[in-house]
Amino acid sequence: MNTENLNPEQAKAVNTINGPVLIIAGAGSGKTRVITFRIAHMLESGIPQSQILALTFTNKAAREMEQRIKELTGKKLQNLTISTFHALGVKILREYIDRLGWRQNFSIYDEVDRNQLIKESAKELKIATETLDVYGVGTLFSQIKTGQKNFTAQTAVYRPLYNEYQAGLKLFNAVDFDDLIMLPIKLFTEHPDVLAVYKNRYRYVMVDEFQDTSIQQYQMMHLIADDNVCVVGDDDQSIYSWRGAFALPCCFTVFVNGSKTTGSGFSLVAFCRYFLQAQRFSVFTAKVAAA
């Protein structure tokens, strides 16, 4: 593959395939170019499409990434997985959600469906829905489910309603948006054989816009990924902190544990204490500037 259009730092990031890699790339640094060239280089190096998992945050970004790689490689990429976290969650659940008590033809509830189920659950518990802040309750339930909050003395009154809501989801063979991340984590944790399927399937994992990764998305990625994981992000930018994304630069600090553990000599960032404590890693800072 022709890498003449890459500067030395970009080329180094593209050519480092094996082992954990953290790429910090600011705006205008050629980040997208690095990601697409890196995946194209992996394919040219003989890595099967089916072993690569690339995760990003919007369907548009996933489509654009796939198109750029097609243009670079001239391949159809029928077996390459480029996906959002939630779309990956759907894929996992369609295969194995029966292990958790749902049928595989489950429905996915949007916010309107969720709020309607909250109302129905409230009626079952003889709670007056006229004075119930359904939107606020739905937000609380989302925060409870994703671990952003716990029930407190003030919110404990909603615990029975939460339990009824959860029971309603299973009764109607439905999941909500948060379940698309939380249920795969539960599935992997409670059924190691299912986790083994995905760890064996995806030998190379890449995450774009890592600074926008929520703790739960990180957990799902962390369970699947083995040695060969690459995350790309900008430690000066995050647009999803409102919905549980890591506060910066915490996302990189969690992915990384500092030079004391790795002995790498890097003090800016280091690789994840929750991930591969004894492993060396590669860091490419946003001195990965545009060519």
C-alpha atoms as a PDB file:
ATOM      1  CA  MET A   1       0.000   0.000   0.000  1.00  0.00           C
ATOM      2  CA  ASN A   2       1.252   3.454  -0.910  1.00  0.00           C
ATOM      3  CA  THR A   3       1.872   5.473   2.249  1.00  0.00           C
ATOM      4  CA  GLU A   4       3.607   8.386   0.549  1.00  0.00           C
ATOM      5  CA  ASN A   5       0.750  10.698   1.509  1.00  0.00           C
ATOM      6  CA  LEU A   6       1.347  10.011   5.204  1.00  0.00           C
ATOM      7  CA  ASN A   7       3.824  11.890   7.350  1.00  0.00           C
ATOM      8  CA  PRO A   8       6.268   9.820   9.480  1.00  0.00           C
ATOM      9  CA  GLU A   9       4.053   9.783  12.606  1.00  0.00           C
ATOM     10  CA  GLN A  10       0.976   8.825  10.618  1.00  0.00           C
ATOM     11  CA  ALA A  11       2.884   6.072   8.842  1.00  0.00           C
ATOM     12  CA  LYS A  12       4.166   4.739  12.160  1.00  0.00           C
ATOM     13  CA  ALA A  13       0.614   4.539  13.524  1.00  0.00           C
ATOM     14  CA  VAL A  14      -0.613   2.840  10.340  1.00  0.00           C
ATOM     15  CA  ASN A  15       2.171   0.248  10.329  1.00  0.00           C
ATOM     16  CA  THR A  16       1.878  -0.703  14.014  1.00  0.00           C
ATOM     17  CA  ILE A  17      -0.672  -3.509  13.819  1.00  0.00           C
ATOM     18  CA  ASN A  18       0.048  -5.839  16.708  1.00  0.00           C
ATOM     19  CA  GLY A  19      -0.280  -5.040  20.390  1.00  0.00           C
ATOM     20  CA  PRO A  20      -2.227  -2.297  22.150  1.00  0.00           C
ATOM     21  CA  VAL A  21      -1.996   1.118  20.505  1.00  0.00           C
ATOM     22  CA  LEU A  22      -3.235   4.518  21.644  1.00  0.00           C
ATOM     23  CA  ILE A  23      -3.354   7.251  18.986  1.00  0.00           C
ATOM     24  CA  ILE A  24      -3.991  10.786  20.228  1.00  0.00           C
ATOM     25  CA  ALA A  25      -4.889  12.918  17.254  1.00  0.00           C
ATOM     26  CA  GLY A  26      -6.259  16.432  17.360  1.00  0.00           C
ATOM     27  CA  ALA A  27      -8.468  18.232  14.872  1.00  0.00           C
ATOM     28  CA  GLY A  28      -6.895  18.481  11.431  1.00  0.00           C
ATOM     29  CA  SER A  29      -4.227  15.899  12.219  1.00  0.00           C
ATOM     30  CA  GLY A  30      -5.283  13.390   9.579  1.00  0.00           C
ATOM     31  CA  LYS A  31      -6.951  11.036  12.061  1.00  0.00           C
ATOM     32  CA  THR A  32      -9.477   9.618   9.620  1.00  0.00           C
ATOM     33  CA  ARG A  33      -6.731   9.037   7.088  1.00  0.00           C
ATOM     34  CA  VAL A  34      -4.716   7.110   9.684  1.00  0.00           C
ATOM     35  CA  ILE A  35      -7.690   4.926  10.646  1.00  0.00           C
ATOM     36  CA  THR A  36      -8.606   3.992   7.086  1.00  0.00           C
ATOM     37  CA  PHE A  37      -5.006   3.428   5.995  1.00  0.00           C
ATOM     38  CA  ARG A  38      -4.379   1.308   9.086  1.00  0.00           C
ATOM     39  CA  ILE A  39      -7.300  -1.015   8.351  1.00  0.00           C
ATOM     40  CA  ALA A  40      -6.316  -1.191   4.672  1.00  0.00           C
ATOM     41  CA  HIS A  41      -2.759  -2.071   5.726  1.00  0.00           C
ATOM     42  CA  MET A  42      -4.072  -4.805   8.017  1.00  0.00           C
ATOM     43  CA  LEU A  43      -6.023  -6.328   5.131  1.00  0.00           C
ATOM     44  CA  GLU A  44      -3.023  -6.139   2.818  1.00  0.00           C
ATOM     45  CA  SER A  45      -0.935  -7.838   5.517  1.00  0.00           C
ATOM     46  CA  GLY A  46      -3.179 -10.882   5.286  1.00  0.00           C
ATOM     47  CA  ILE A  47      -5.457 -10.326   8.264  1.00  0.00           C
ATOM     48  CA  PRO A  48      -8.929 -11.672   7.347  1.00  0.00           C
ATOM     49  CA  GLN A  49     -11.713  -9.111   7.159  1.00  0.00           C
ATOM     50  CA  SER A  50     -13.774 -11.174   9.589  1.00  0.00           C
ATOM     51  CA  GLN A  51     -11.158 -10.737  12.354  1.00  0.00           C
ATOM     52  CA  ILE A  52     -11.333  -6.930  12.322  1.00  0.00           C
ATOM     53  CA  LEU A  53     -13.844  -4.939  14.370  1.00  0.00           C
ATOM     54  CA  ALA A  54     -13.924  -1.149  13.957  1.00  0.00           C
ATOM     55  CA  LEU A  55     -16.206   0.773  16.314  1.00  0.00           C
ATOM     56  CA  THR A  56     -17.354   4.348  15.961  1.00  0.00           C
ATOM     57  CA  PHE A  57     -20.237   6.489  17.221  1.00  0.00           C
ATOM     58  CA  THR A  58     -22.539   7.250  14.300  1.00  0.00           C
ATOM     59  CA  ASN A  59     -23.861   5.237  11.382  1.00  0.00           C
ATOM     60  CA  LYS A  60     -22.702   8.020   9.068  1.00  0.00           C
ATOM     61  CA  ALA A  61     -19.128   7.758  10.342  1.00  0.00           C
ATOM     62  CA  ALA A  62     -19.225   3.972   9.932  1.00  0.00           C
ATOM     63  CA  ARG A  63     -20.465   4.254   6.332  1.00  0.00           C
ATOM     64  CA  GLU A  64     -17.839   6.862   5.459  1.00  0.00           C
ATOM     65  CA  MET A  65     -15.062   4.757   6.979  1.00  0.00           C
ATOM     66  CA  GLU A  66     -16.173   1.693   5.024  1.00  0.00           C
ATOM     67  CA  GLN A  67     -16.344   3.662   1.777  1.00  0.00           C
ATOM     68  CA  ARG A  68     -12.830   5.065   2.217  1.00  0.00           C
ATOM     69  CA  ILE A  69     -11.398   1.615   2.904  1.00  0.00           C
ATOM     70  CA  LYS A  70     -13.159   0.230  -0.177  1.00  0.00           C
ATOM     71  CA  GLU A  71     -11.570   2.986  -2.256  1.00  0.00           C
ATOM     72  CA  LEU A  72      -8.133   2.203  -0.817  1.00  0.00           C
ATOM     73  CA  THR A  73      -8.315  -1.571  -1.192  1.00  0.00           C
ATOM     74  CA  GLY A  74     -10.692  -2.096  -4.106  1.00  0.00           C
ATOM     75  CA  LYS A  75     -12.391  -4.816  -2.045  1.00  0.00           C
ATOM     76  CA  LYS A  76     -16.087  -5.276  -1.262  1.00  0.00           C
ATOM     77  CA  LEU A  77     -15.466  -5.739   2.483  1.00  0.00           C
ATOM     78  CA  GLN A  78     -18.417  -8.081   2.947  1.00  0.00           C
ATOM     79  CA  ASN A  79     -16.879  -9.644   6.058  1.00  0.00           C
ATOM     80  CA  LEU A  80     -15.401  -6.517   7.668  1.00  0.00           C
ATOM     81  CA  THR A  81     -17.317  -5.265  10.714  1.00  0.00           C
ATOM     82  CA  ILE A  82     -17.482  -1.467  10.922  1.00  0.00           C
ATOM     83  CA  SER A  83     -20.179  -0.629  13.401  1.00  0.00           C
ATOM     84  CA  THR A  84     -21.474   1.652  16.105  1.00  0.00           C
ATOM     85  CA  PHE A  85     -21.385   0.270  19.641  1.00  0.00           C
ATOM     86  CA  HIS A  86     -25.169  -0.001  19.724  1.00  0.00           C
ATOM     87  CA  ALA A  87     -25.399  -1.750  16.346  1.00  0.00           C
ATOM     88  CA  LEU A  88     -22.812  -4.250  17.578  1.00  0.00           C
ATOM     89  CA  GLY A  89     -24.933  -4.733  20.688  1.00  0.00           C
ATOM     90  CA  VAL A  90     -27.955  -5.520  18.524  1.00  0.00           C
ATOM     91  CA  LYS A  91     -25.918  -8.033  16.528  1.00  0.00           C
ATOM     92  CA  ILE A  92     -24.734  -9.791  19.687  1.00  0.00           C
ATOM     93  CA  LEU A  93     -28.216  -9.897  21.197  1.00  0.00           C
ATOM     94  CA  ARG A  94     -29.827 -11.217  18.004  1.00  0.00           C
ATOM     95  CA  GLU A  95     -27.522 -14.205  18.294  1.00  0.00           C
ATOM     96  CA  TYR A  96     -27.572 -14.920  22.015  1.00  0.00           C
ATOM     97  CA  ILE A  97     -30.248 -12.967  23.909  1.00  0.00           C
ATOM     98  CA  ASP A  98     -32.154 -16.199  24.498  1.00  0.00           C
ATOM     99  CA  ARG A  99     -29.483 -16.971  27.110  1.00  0.00           C
ATOM    100  CA  LEU A 100     -30.908 -14.045  29.123  1.00  0.00           C
ATOM    101  CA  GLY A 101     -34.557 -15.002  28.781  1.00  0.00           C
ATOM    102  CA  TRP A 102     -35.624 -12.945  25.754  1.00  0.00           C
ATOM    103  CA  ARG A 103     -36.593 -14.297  22.330  1.00  0.00           C
ATOM    104  CA  GLN A 104     -34.323 -13.396  19.441  1.00  0.00           C
ATOM    105  CA  ASN A 105     -37.011 -11.418  17.612  1.00  0.00           C
ATOM    106  CA  PHE A 106     -37.052  -8.791  20.376  1.00  0.00           C
ATOM    107  CA  SER A 107     -38.227  -5.223  19.781  1.00  0.00           C
ATOM    108  CA  ILE A 108     -36.082  -2.164  20.501  1.00  0.00           C
ATOM    109  CA  TYR A 109     -37.953   0.541  22.385  1.00  0.00           C
ATOM    110  CA  ASP A 110     -37.246   4.161  21.629  1.00  0.00           C
ATOM    111  CA  GLU A 111     -37.861   6.975  24.126  1.00  0.00           C
ATOM    112  CA  VAL A 112     -41.573   7.177  23.284  1.00  0.00           C
ATOM    113  CA  ASP A 113     -42.019   3.431  23.810  1.00  0.00           C
ATOM    114  CA  ARG A 114     -40.029   3.614  27.047  1.00  0.00           C
ATOM    115  CA  ASN A 115     -42.161   6.406  28.444  1.00  0.00           C
ATOM    116  CA  GLN A 116     -45.350   4.577  27.506  1.00  0.00           C
ATOM    117  CA  LEU A 117     -44.154   1.454  29.309  1.00  0.00           C
ATOM    118  CA  ILE A 118     -43.290   3.550  32.366  1.00  0.00           C
ATOM    119  CA  LYS A 119     -46.875   4.839  32.384  1.00  0.00           C
ATOM    120  CA  GLU A 120     -48.284   1.334  32.028  1.00  0.00           C
ATOM    121  CA  SER A 121     -46.010   0.080  34.783  1.00  0.00           C
ATOM    122  CA  ALA A 122     -47.130   2.936  37.028  1.00  0.00           C
ATOM    123  CA  LYS A 123     -50.768   1.991  36.462  1.00  0.00           C
ATOM    124  CA  GLU A 124     -49.989  -1.602  37.444  1.00  0.00           C
ATOM    125  CA  LEU A 125     -48.634  -0.260  40.742  1.00  0.00           C
ATOM    126  CA  LYS A 126     -51.628   2.084  41.201  1.00  0.00           C
ATOM    127  CA  ILE A 127     -49.385   5.150  40.811  1.00  0.00           C
ATOM    128  CA  ALA A 128     -51.130   8.244  39.472  1.00  0.00           C
ATOM    129  CA  THR A 129     -49.663   8.974  36.066  1.00  0.00           C
ATOM    130  CA  GLU A 130     -51.157  12.464  35.889  1.00  0.00           C
ATOM    131  CA  THR A 131     -48.548  13.837  38.291  1.00  0.00           C
ATOM    132  CA  LEU A 132     -45.715  11.543  37.248  1.00  0.00           C
ATOM    133  CA  ASP A 133     -42.766  13.194  35.501  1.00  0.00           C
ATOM    134  CA  VAL A 134     -42.403  10.388  32.989  1.00  0.00           C
ATOM    135  CA  TYR A 135     -39.480  11.988  31.150  1.00  0.00           C
ATOM    136  CA  GLY A 136     -37.604  12.609  34.405  1.00  0.00           C
ATOM    137  CA  VAL A 137     -38.303   9.079  35.618  1.00  0.00           C
ATOM    138  CA  GLY A 138     -37.100   7.682  32.288  1.00  0.00           C
ATOM    139  CA  THR A 139     -33.882   9.653  32.590  1.00  0.00           C
ATOM    140  CA  LEU A 140     -33.396   8.370  36.142  1.00  0.00           C
ATOM    141  CA  PHE A 141     -33.989   4.768  35.037  1.00  0.00           C
ATOM    142  CA  SER A 142     -31.417   5.168  32.278  1.00  0.00           C
ATOM    143  CA  GLN A 143     -28.879   6.498  34.773  1.00  0.00           C
ATOM    144  CA  ILE A 144     -29.631   3.659  37.188  1.00  0.00           C
ATOM    145  CA  LYS A 145     -29.358   1.013  34.490  1.00  0.00           C
ATOM    146  CA  THR A 146     -26.044   2.310  33.158  1.00  0.00           C
ATOM    147  CA  GLY A 147     -24.526   2.762  36.601  1.00  0.00           C
ATOM    148  CA  GLN A 148     -24.296   6.546  36.447  1.00  0.00           C
ATOM    149  CA  LYS A 149     -26.468   6.792  39.559  1.00  0.00           C
ATOM    150  CA  ASN A 150     -27.779   4.617  42.368  1.00  0.00           C
ATOM    151  CA  PHE A 151     -31.099   4.884  44.128  1.00  0.00           C
ATOM    152  CA  THR A 152     -30.914   7.362  46.990  1.00  0.00           C
ATOM    153  CA  ALA A 153     -33.208   8.137  49.892  1.00  0.00           C
ATOM    154  CA  GLN A 154     -34.906  10.684  47.642  1.00  0.00           C
ATOM    155  CA  THR A 155     -35.301   8.423  44.607  1.00  0.00           C
ATOM    156  CA  ALA A 156     -35.888   5.071  46.349  1.00  0.00           C
ATOM    157  CA  VAL A 157     -39.621   5.621  45.943  1.00  0.00           C
ATOM    158  CA  TYR A 158     -39.129   4.850  42.233  1.00  0.00           C
ATOM    159  CA  ARG A 159     -37.424   1.497  42.799  1.00  0.00           C
ATOM    160  CA  PRO A 160     -40.663  -0.580  42.585  1.00  0.00           C
ATOM    161  CA  LEU A 161     -41.564   1.264  39.395  1.00  0.00           C
ATOM    162  CA  TYR A 162     -38.123   0.539  37.957  1.00  0.00           C
ATOM    163  CA  ASN A 163     -38.495  -3.154  38.755  1.00  0.00           C
ATOM    164  CA  GLU A 164     -41.953  -3.211  37.166  1.00  0.00           C
ATOM    165  CA  TYR A 165     -40.577  -1.433  34.080  1.00  0.00           C
ATOM    166  CA  GLN A 166     -37.805  -3.997  33.758  1.00  0.00           C
ATOM    167  CA  ALA A 167     -40.290  -6.839  34.118  1.00  0.00           C
ATOM    168  CA  GLY A 168     -42.458  -5.194  31.454  1.00  0.00           C
ATOM    169  CA  LEU A 169     -39.594  -5.097  28.978  1.00  0.00           C
ATOM    170  CA  LYS A 170     -39.041  -8.822  29.313  1.00  0.00           C
ATOM    171  CA  LEU A 171     -42.789  -9.556  29.242  1.00  0.00           C
ATOM    172  CA  PHE A 172     -43.133  -7.712  25.935  1.00  0.00           C
ATOM    173  CA  ASN A 173     -39.865  -9.200  24.621  1.00  0.00           C
ATOM    174  CA  ALA A 174     -38.371  -5.736  24.300  1.00  0.00           C
ATOM    175  CA  VAL A 175     -35.149  -3.933  25.167  1.00  0.00           C
ATOM    176  CA  ASP A 176     -34.457  -0.240  25.499  1.00  0.00           C
ATOM    177  CA  PHE A 177     -31.533   1.710  24.074  1.00  0.00           C
ATOM    178  CA  ASP A 178     -29.390   1.254  27.192  1.00  0.00           C
ATOM    179  CA  ASP A 179     -29.906  -2.510  27.041  1.00  0.00           C
ATOM    180  CA  LEU A 180     -28.072  -2.614  23.719  1.00  0.00           C
ATOM    181  CA  ILE A 181     -24.868  -2.039  25.706  1.00  0.00           C
ATOM    182  CA  MET A 182     -25.739  -3.363  29.157  1.00  0.00           C
ATOM    183  CA  LEU A 183     -27.203  -6.719  28.086  1.00  0.00           C
ATOM    184  CA  PRO A 184     -24.163  -7.736  25.986  1.00  0.00           C
ATOM    185  CA  ILE A 185     -21.993  -6.964  29.034  1.00  0.00           C
ATOM    186  CA  LYS A 186     -24.286  -9.129  31.163  1.00  0.00           C
ATOM    187  CA  LEU A 187     -24.243 -11.835  28.506  1.00  0.00           C
ATOM    188  CA  PHE A 188     -20.445 -11.865  28.294  1.00  0.00           C
ATOM    189  CA  THR A 189     -20.073 -11.833  32.068  1.00  0.00           C
ATOM    190  CA  GLU A 190     -22.549 -14.615  32.778  1.00  0.00           C
ATOM    191  CA  HIS A 191     -21.808 -16.798  29.740  1.00  0.00           C
ATOM    192  CA  PRO A 192     -18.053 -17.102  29.125  1.00  0.00           C
ATOM    193  CA  ASP A 193     -18.651 -19.393  26.149  1.00  0.00           C
ATOM    194  CA  VAL A 194     -20.451 -16.566  24.333  1.00  0.00           C
ATOM    195  CA  LEU A 195     -17.642 -14.156  25.149  1.00  0.00           C
ATOM    196  CA  ALA A 196     -15.151 -16.697  23.798  1.00  0.00           C
ATOM    197  CA  VAL A 197     -16.995 -16.709  20.460  1.00  0.00           C
ATOM    198  CA  TYR A 198     -16.513 -12.957  20.054  1.00  0.00           C
ATOM    199  CA  LYS A 199     -12.958 -12.874  21.348  1.00  0.00           C
ATOM    200  CA  ASN A 200     -12.081 -15.552  18.814  1.00  0.00           C
ATOM    201  CA  ARG A 201     -14.026 -13.813  16.048  1.00  0.00           C
ATOM    202  CA  TYR A 202     -12.540 -10.347  16.500  1.00  0.00           C
ATOM    203  CA  ARG A 203      -8.776 -10.583  16.918  1.00  0.00           C
ATOM    204  CA  TYR A 204      -8.198  -6.919  16.033  1.00  0.00           C
ATOM    205  CA  VAL A 205     -10.317  -4.161  17.568  1.00  0.00           C
ATOM    206  CA  MET A 206     -10.204  -0.449  16.750  1.00  0.00           C
ATOM    207  CA  VAL A 207     -12.230   2.325  18.408  1.00  0.00           C
ATOM    208  CA  ASP A 208     -12.569   5.765  16.836  1.00  0.00           C
ATOM    209  CA  GLU A 209     -13.433   8.897  18.858  1.00  0.00           C
ATOM    210  CA  PHE A 210     -12.383   7.093  22.024  1.00  0.00           C
ATOM    211  CA  GLN A 211     -12.819  10.242  24.105  1.00  0.00           C
ATOM    212  CA  ASP A 212     -16.584   9.851  23.628  1.00  0.00           C
ATOM    213  CA  THR A 213     -16.640   6.293  24.944  1.00  0.00           C
ATOM    214  CA  SER A 214     -18.904   5.749  27.927  1.00  0.00           C
ATOM    215  CA  ILE A 215     -17.766   3.552  30.796  1.00  0.00           C
ATOM    216  CA  GLN A 216     -20.212   0.872  29.666  1.00  0.00           C
ATOM    217  CA  GLN A 217     -19.043   0.972  26.047  1.00  0.00           C
ATOM    218  CA  TYR A 218     -15.486   0.700  27.300  1.00  0.00           C
ATOM    219  CA  GLN A 219     -16.468  -2.353  29.356  1.00  0.00           C
ATOM    220  CA  MET A 220     -18.014  -4.045  26.333  1.00  0.00           C
ATOM    221  CA  MET A 221     -14.969  -3.298  24.182  1.00  0.00           C
ATOM    222  CA  HIS A 222     -12.633  -4.370  26.964  1.00  0.00           C
ATOM    223  CA  LEU A 223     -14.357  -7.745  27.289  1.00  0.00           C
ATOM    224  CA  ILE A 224     -14.074  -8.488  23.565  1.00  0.00           C
ATOM    225  CA  ALA A 225     -10.623  -7.067  22.851  1.00  0.00           C
ATOM    226  CA  ASP A 226      -7.514  -9.095  23.450  1.00  0.00           C
ATOM    227  CA  ASP A 227      -3.930  -7.964  22.762  1.00  0.00           C
ATOM    228  CA  ASN A 228      -4.521  -6.232  19.452  1.00  0.00           C
ATOM    229  CA  VAL A 229      -6.604  -3.182  20.273  1.00  0.00           C
ATOM    230  CA  CYS A 230      -6.180   0.345  18.948  1.00  0.00           C
ATOM    231  CA  VAL A 231      -8.050   3.404  20.205  1.00  0.00           C
ATOM    232  CA  VAL A 232      -7.999   6.783  18.504  1.00  0.00           C
ATOM    233  CA  GLY A 233      -9.126  10.008  20.070  1.00  0.00           C
ATOM    234  CA  ASP A 234      -8.616  13.673  20.844  1.00  0.00           C
ATOM    235  CA  ASP A 235      -8.006  14.453  24.509  1.00  0.00           C
ATOM    236  CA  ASP A 236      -9.203  18.034  23.955  1.00  0.00           C
ATOM    237  CA  GLN A 237     -12.639  17.159  22.663  1.00  0.00           C
ATOM    238  CA  SER A 238     -15.660  15.229  23.887  1.00  0.00           C
ATOM    239  CA  ILE A 239     -19.270  15.716  22.834  1.00  0.00           C
ATOM    240  CA  TYR A 240     -20.938  12.947  24.847  1.00  0.00           C
ATOM    241  CA  SER A 241     -20.007  13.707  28.459  1.00  0.00           C
ATOM    242  CA  TRP A 242     -23.683  14.452  29.105  1.00  0.00           C
ATOM    243  CA  ARG A 243     -24.564  10.804  28.577  1.00  0.00           C
ATOM    244  CA  GLY A 244     -21.827   9.166  30.587  1.00  0.00           C
ATOM    245  CA  ALA A 245     -18.724   9.469  28.442  1.00  0.00           C
ATOM    246  CA  PHE A 246     -15.475   9.675  30.383  1.00  0.00           C
ATOM    247  CA  ALA A 247     -14.452  13.093  31.633  1.00  0.00           C
ATOM    248  CA  LEU A 248     -11.254  13.985  29.849  1.00  0.00           C
ATOM    249  CA  PRO A 249      -8.506  13.136  30.101  1.00  0.00           C
ATOM    250  CA  CYS A 250      -9.933  10.301  32.213  1.00  0.00           C
ATOM    251  CA  CYS A 251     -10.816   8.167  29.202  1.00  0.00           C
ATOM    252  CA  PHE A 252      -7.141   7.970  28.303  1.00  0.00           C
ATOM    253  CA  THR A 253      -6.126   7.497  31.919  1.00  0.00           C
ATOM    254  CA  VAL A 254      -8.445   4.501  32.215  1.00  0.00           C
ATOM    255  CA  PHE A 255      -7.258   3.068  28.913  1.00  0.00           C
ATOM    256  CA  VAL A 256      -3.803   3.733  30.129  1.00  0.00           C
ATOM    257  CA  ASN A 257      -2.031   3.367  33.453  1.00  0.00           C
ATOM    258  CA  GLY A 258       1.176   5.329  33.180  1.00  0.00           C
ATOM    259  CA  SER A 259       4.796   4.464  32.822  1.00  0.00           C
ATOM    260  CA  LYS A 260       5.116   2.996  36.327  1.00  0.00           C
ATOM    261  CA  THR A 261       3.150  -0.074  35.245  1.00  0.00           C
ATOM    262  CA  THR A 262       4.325  -0.431  31.674  1.00  0.00           C
ATOM    263  CA  GLY A 263       7.897   0.726  32.052  1.00  0.00           C
ATOM    264  CA  SER A 264       7.387   2.475  28.735  1.00  0.00           C
ATOM    265  CA  GLY A 265       8.844   5.836  29.635  1.00  0.00           C
ATOM    266  CA  PHE A 266       5.660   7.628  28.615  1.00  0.00           C
ATOM    267  CA  SER A 267       4.181   9.900  31.248  1.00  0.00           C
ATOM    268  CA  LEU A 268       1.470  11.629  29.201  1.00  0.00           C
ATOM    269  CA  VAL A 269      -0.608   8.500  28.744  1.00  0.00           C
ATOM    270  CA  ALA A 270      -0.056   4.822  29.260  1.00  0.00           C
ATOM    271  CA  PHE A 271      -2.013   1.672  28.707  1.00  0.00           C
ATOM    272  CA  CYS A 272      -4.990   0.636  30.745  1.00  0.00           C
ATOM    273  CA  ARG A 273      -4.552  -0.836  34.193  1.00  0.00           C
ATOM    274  CA  TYR A 274      -7.810  -2.708  33.636  1.00  0.00           C
ATOM    275  CA  PHE A 275      -6.592  -4.167  30.383  1.00  0.00           C
ATOM    276  CA  LEU A 276      -3.045  -5.393  29.867  1.00  0.00           C
ATOM    277  CA  GLN A 277      -1.046  -4.350  32.887  1.00  0.00           C
ATOM    278  CA  ALA A 278       2.123  -6.164  31.985  1.00  0.00           C
ATOM    279  CA  GLN A 279       2.119  -5.311  28.296  1.00  0.00           C
ATOM    280  CA  ARG A 280       4.134  -2.664  26.544  1.00  0.00           C
ATOM    281  CA  PHE A 281       2.160  -0.396  24.256  1.00  0.00           C
ATOM    282  CA  SER A 282       2.534   2.166  21.509  1.00  0.00           C
ATOM    283  CA  VAL A 283       1.489   5.788  21.840  1.00  0.00           C
ATOM    284  CA  PHE A 284       1.306   8.204  18.951  1.00  0.00           C
ATOM    285  CA  THR A 285       0.520  11.731  20.084  1.00  0.00           C
ATOM    286  CA  ALA A 286      -1.090  14.409  18.043  1.00  0.00           C
ATOM    287  CA  LYS A 287       2.240  15.419  16.990  1.00  0.00           C
ATOM    288  CA  VAL A 288       0.538  13.094  14.437  1.00  0.00           C
ATOM    289  CA  ALA A 289       0.004  16.368  12.600  1.00  0.00           C
ATOM    290  CA  ALA A 290      -1.415  16.779   9.150  1.00  0.00           C
ATOM    291  CA  ALA A 291       1.014  16.085   6.379  1.00  0.00           C
END
